[in-house]
Amino acid sequence: MSSAAPTPPRHTVAEDCATLRAAAERTHSESDRRAYVLDMVLVTHPERVSTDADYPDWTPGGERQ
């Protein structure tokens, strides 16, 4: 029996956007609605998300200079 965590299901961009759009339409919070719209931007434009390669010398939780 493997102790590895189960792999979450993969969703398509269209499915992710549909979920975010539905959530934005149901919320009564303007700030939540804006967050869902911004999430859709990141889902549809993954190149806008930074990666470890963007910060090669950064260590999470590292000491401040």
N, C-alpha and C. Protein backbone atom coordinates (compact mmCIF):
# COMPACT_ATOMS: atom_id res chain seq x y z
N MET A 1 0.84 -1.18 0.00
CA MET A 1 0.00 0.00 0.00
C MET A 1 0.88 1.24 0.00
N SER A 2 0.61 2.17 -0.86
CA SER A 2 1.41 3.37 -1.01
C SER A 2 0.97 4.45 -0.03
N SER A 3 1.94 5.17 0.52
CA SER A 3 1.63 6.26 1.45
C SER A 3 1.59 7.61 0.75
N ALA A 4 1.79 7.61 -0.55
CA ALA A 4 1.78 8.87 -1.31
C ALA A 4 0.37 9.44 -1.34
N ALA A 5 0.30 10.77 -1.31
CA ALA A 5 -1.00 11.44 -1.38
C ALA A 5 -1.62 11.20 -2.74
N PRO A 6 -2.94 11.07 -2.78
CA PRO A 6 -3.60 10.87 -4.08
C PRO A 6 -3.43 12.10 -4.96
N THR A 7 -3.32 11.86 -6.25
CA THR A 7 -3.19 12.95 -7.21
C THR A 7 -4.56 13.58 -7.44
N PRO A 8 -4.65 14.90 -7.28
CA PRO A 8 -5.96 15.54 -7.51
C PRO A 8 -6.34 15.45 -8.99
N PRO A 9 -7.63 15.45 -9.28
CA PRO A 9 -8.04 15.38 -10.69
C PRO A 9 -7.60 16.61 -11.45
N ARG A 10 -7.24 16.41 -12.72
CA ARG A 10 -6.84 17.52 -13.58
C ARG A 10 -8.08 18.10 -14.22
N HIS A 11 -8.16 19.41 -14.24
CA HIS A 11 -9.29 20.09 -14.85
C HIS A 11 -8.81 20.85 -16.08
N THR A 12 -9.71 21.08 -16.99
CA THR A 12 -9.36 21.89 -18.14
C THR A 12 -9.50 23.36 -17.76
N VAL A 13 -8.88 24.22 -18.53
CA VAL A 13 -8.99 25.66 -18.29
C VAL A 13 -10.45 26.08 -18.38
N ALA A 14 -11.19 25.53 -19.34
CA ALA A 14 -12.61 25.87 -19.48
C ALA A 14 -13.40 25.48 -18.24
N GLU A 15 -13.10 24.30 -17.67
CA GLU A 15 -13.80 23.86 -16.45
C GLU A 15 -13.45 24.77 -15.27
N ASP A 16 -12.17 25.10 -15.15
CA ASP A 16 -11.76 25.98 -14.06
C ASP A 16 -12.42 27.35 -14.18
N CYS A 17 -12.45 27.90 -15.40
CA CYS A 17 -13.08 29.21 -15.61
C CYS A 17 -14.57 29.15 -15.35
N ALA A 18 -15.23 28.07 -15.74
CA ALA A 18 -16.66 27.93 -15.49
C ALA A 18 -16.94 27.90 -13.99
N THR A 19 -16.10 27.21 -13.24
CA THR A 19 -16.26 27.15 -11.78
C THR A 19 -16.06 28.52 -11.16
N LEU A 20 -15.01 29.23 -11.58
CA LEU A 20 -14.74 30.57 -11.05
C LEU A 20 -15.85 31.55 -11.44
N ARG A 21 -16.33 31.45 -12.68
CA ARG A 21 -17.42 32.34 -13.14
C ARG A 21 -18.68 32.10 -12.32
N ALA A 22 -19.01 30.84 -12.08
CA ALA A 22 -20.20 30.51 -11.28
C ALA A 22 -20.07 31.04 -9.86
N ALA A 23 -18.88 30.90 -9.27
CA ALA A 23 -18.66 31.41 -7.92
C ALA A 23 -18.78 32.93 -7.88
N ALA A 24 -18.24 33.61 -8.89
CA ALA A 24 -18.33 35.06 -8.95
C ALA A 24 -19.78 35.53 -9.07
N GLU A 25 -20.59 34.77 -9.81
CA GLU A 25 -21.99 35.15 -9.99
C GLU A 25 -22.81 34.93 -8.72
N ARG A 26 -22.38 34.00 -7.86
CA ARG A 26 -23.15 33.67 -6.65
C ARG A 26 -22.78 34.50 -5.43
N THR A 27 -21.58 35.08 -5.42
CA THR A 27 -21.15 35.79 -4.23
C THR A 27 -21.83 37.16 -4.12
N HIS A 28 -21.96 37.62 -2.89
CA HIS A 28 -22.52 38.95 -2.64
C HIS A 28 -21.40 39.94 -2.33
N SER A 29 -20.19 39.45 -2.30
CA SER A 29 -19.03 40.27 -1.94
C SER A 29 -18.33 40.78 -3.20
N GLU A 30 -18.21 42.08 -3.32
CA GLU A 30 -17.51 42.66 -4.48
C GLU A 30 -16.04 42.25 -4.48
N SER A 31 -15.41 42.20 -3.31
CA SER A 31 -14.00 41.81 -3.27
C SER A 31 -13.81 40.35 -3.69
N ASP A 32 -14.73 39.47 -3.31
CA ASP A 32 -14.65 38.08 -3.76
C ASP A 32 -14.83 38.00 -5.26
N ARG A 33 -15.78 38.76 -5.79
CA ARG A 33 -16.03 38.75 -7.23
C ARG A 33 -14.78 39.17 -7.99
N ARG A 34 -14.11 40.19 -7.51
CA ARG A 34 -12.86 40.65 -8.14
C ARG A 34 -11.78 39.58 -8.05
N ALA A 35 -11.70 38.91 -6.92
CA ALA A 35 -10.69 37.86 -6.75
C ALA A 35 -10.93 36.72 -7.74
N TYR A 36 -12.20 36.33 -7.92
CA TYR A 36 -12.51 35.26 -8.88
C TYR A 36 -12.13 35.66 -10.30
N VAL A 37 -12.39 36.91 -10.66
CA VAL A 37 -12.03 37.39 -12.00
C VAL A 37 -10.51 37.37 -12.18
N LEU A 38 -9.78 37.82 -11.17
CA LEU A 38 -8.32 37.80 -11.25
C LEU A 38 -7.79 36.36 -11.31
N ASP A 39 -8.45 35.45 -10.60
CA ASP A 39 -8.07 34.03 -10.68
C ASP A 39 -8.24 33.51 -12.10
N MET A 40 -9.32 33.94 -12.77
CA MET A 40 -9.53 33.52 -14.16
C MET A 40 -8.41 34.03 -15.05
N VAL A 41 -7.91 35.23 -14.78
CA VAL A 41 -6.79 35.76 -15.56
C VAL A 41 -5.57 34.86 -15.38
N LEU A 42 -5.28 34.46 -14.15
CA LEU A 42 -4.11 33.61 -13.89
C LEU A 42 -4.28 32.22 -14.49
N VAL A 43 -5.50 31.68 -14.46
CA VAL A 43 -5.75 30.35 -15.04
C VAL A 43 -5.56 30.38 -16.55
N THR A 44 -5.99 31.48 -17.18
CA THR A 44 -5.91 31.56 -18.64
C THR A 44 -4.58 32.10 -19.13
N HIS A 45 -3.77 32.66 -18.23
CA HIS A 45 -2.45 33.20 -18.60
C HIS A 45 -1.40 32.73 -17.59
N PRO A 46 -1.06 31.44 -17.58
CA PRO A 46 -0.11 30.92 -16.60
C PRO A 46 1.28 31.55 -16.69
N GLU A 47 1.60 32.17 -17.81
CA GLU A 47 2.91 32.83 -17.94
C GLU A 47 3.02 34.03 -17.00
N ARG A 48 1.93 34.50 -16.47
CA ARG A 48 1.95 35.64 -15.54
C ARG A 48 2.27 35.23 -14.11
N VAL A 49 2.34 33.94 -13.86
CA VAL A 49 2.62 33.44 -12.52
C VAL A 49 4.13 33.20 -12.40
N SER A 50 4.73 33.70 -11.32
CA SER A 50 6.16 33.50 -11.15
C SER A 50 6.45 32.06 -10.72
N THR A 51 7.65 31.62 -11.01
CA THR A 51 8.09 30.27 -10.65
C THR A 51 9.41 30.36 -9.90
N ASP A 52 9.89 29.24 -9.42
CA ASP A 52 11.18 29.21 -8.72
C ASP A 52 12.31 29.73 -9.62
N ALA A 53 12.18 29.50 -10.90
CA ALA A 53 13.23 29.95 -11.83
C ALA A 53 13.33 31.48 -11.88
N ASP A 54 12.24 32.17 -11.53
CA ASP A 54 12.27 33.63 -11.51
C ASP A 54 13.09 34.18 -10.34
N TYR A 55 13.26 33.38 -9.28
CA TYR A 55 13.97 33.80 -8.08
C TYR A 55 14.97 32.72 -7.66
N PRO A 56 16.04 32.53 -8.42
CA PRO A 56 16.94 31.39 -8.19
C PRO A 56 17.65 31.39 -6.84
N ASP A 57 17.90 32.54 -6.23
CA ASP A 57 18.65 32.57 -4.97
C ASP A 57 17.76 32.75 -3.75
N TRP A 58 16.46 32.72 -3.93
CA TRP A 58 15.53 32.94 -2.83
C TRP A 58 15.26 31.64 -2.10
N THR A 59 15.28 31.68 -0.77
CA THR A 59 14.99 30.52 0.05
C THR A 59 13.77 30.83 0.89
N PRO A 60 12.69 30.07 0.76
CA PRO A 60 11.51 30.32 1.59
C PRO A 60 11.87 30.26 3.06
N GLY A 61 11.46 31.26 3.80
CA GLY A 61 11.76 31.31 5.23
C GLY A 61 13.21 31.62 5.55
N GLY A 62 13.94 32.07 4.54
CA GLY A 62 15.36 32.39 4.74
C GLY A 62 15.54 33.61 5.62
N GLU A 63 16.78 33.86 5.99
CA GLU A 63 17.09 35.00 6.86
C GLU A 63 17.01 36.30 6.07
N ARG A 64 16.53 37.32 6.78
CA ARG A 64 16.49 38.65 6.16
C ARG A 64 17.84 39.32 6.33
N GLN A 65 18.21 40.05 5.33
CA GLN A 65 19.50 40.75 5.36
C GLN A 65 19.35 42.11 6.03
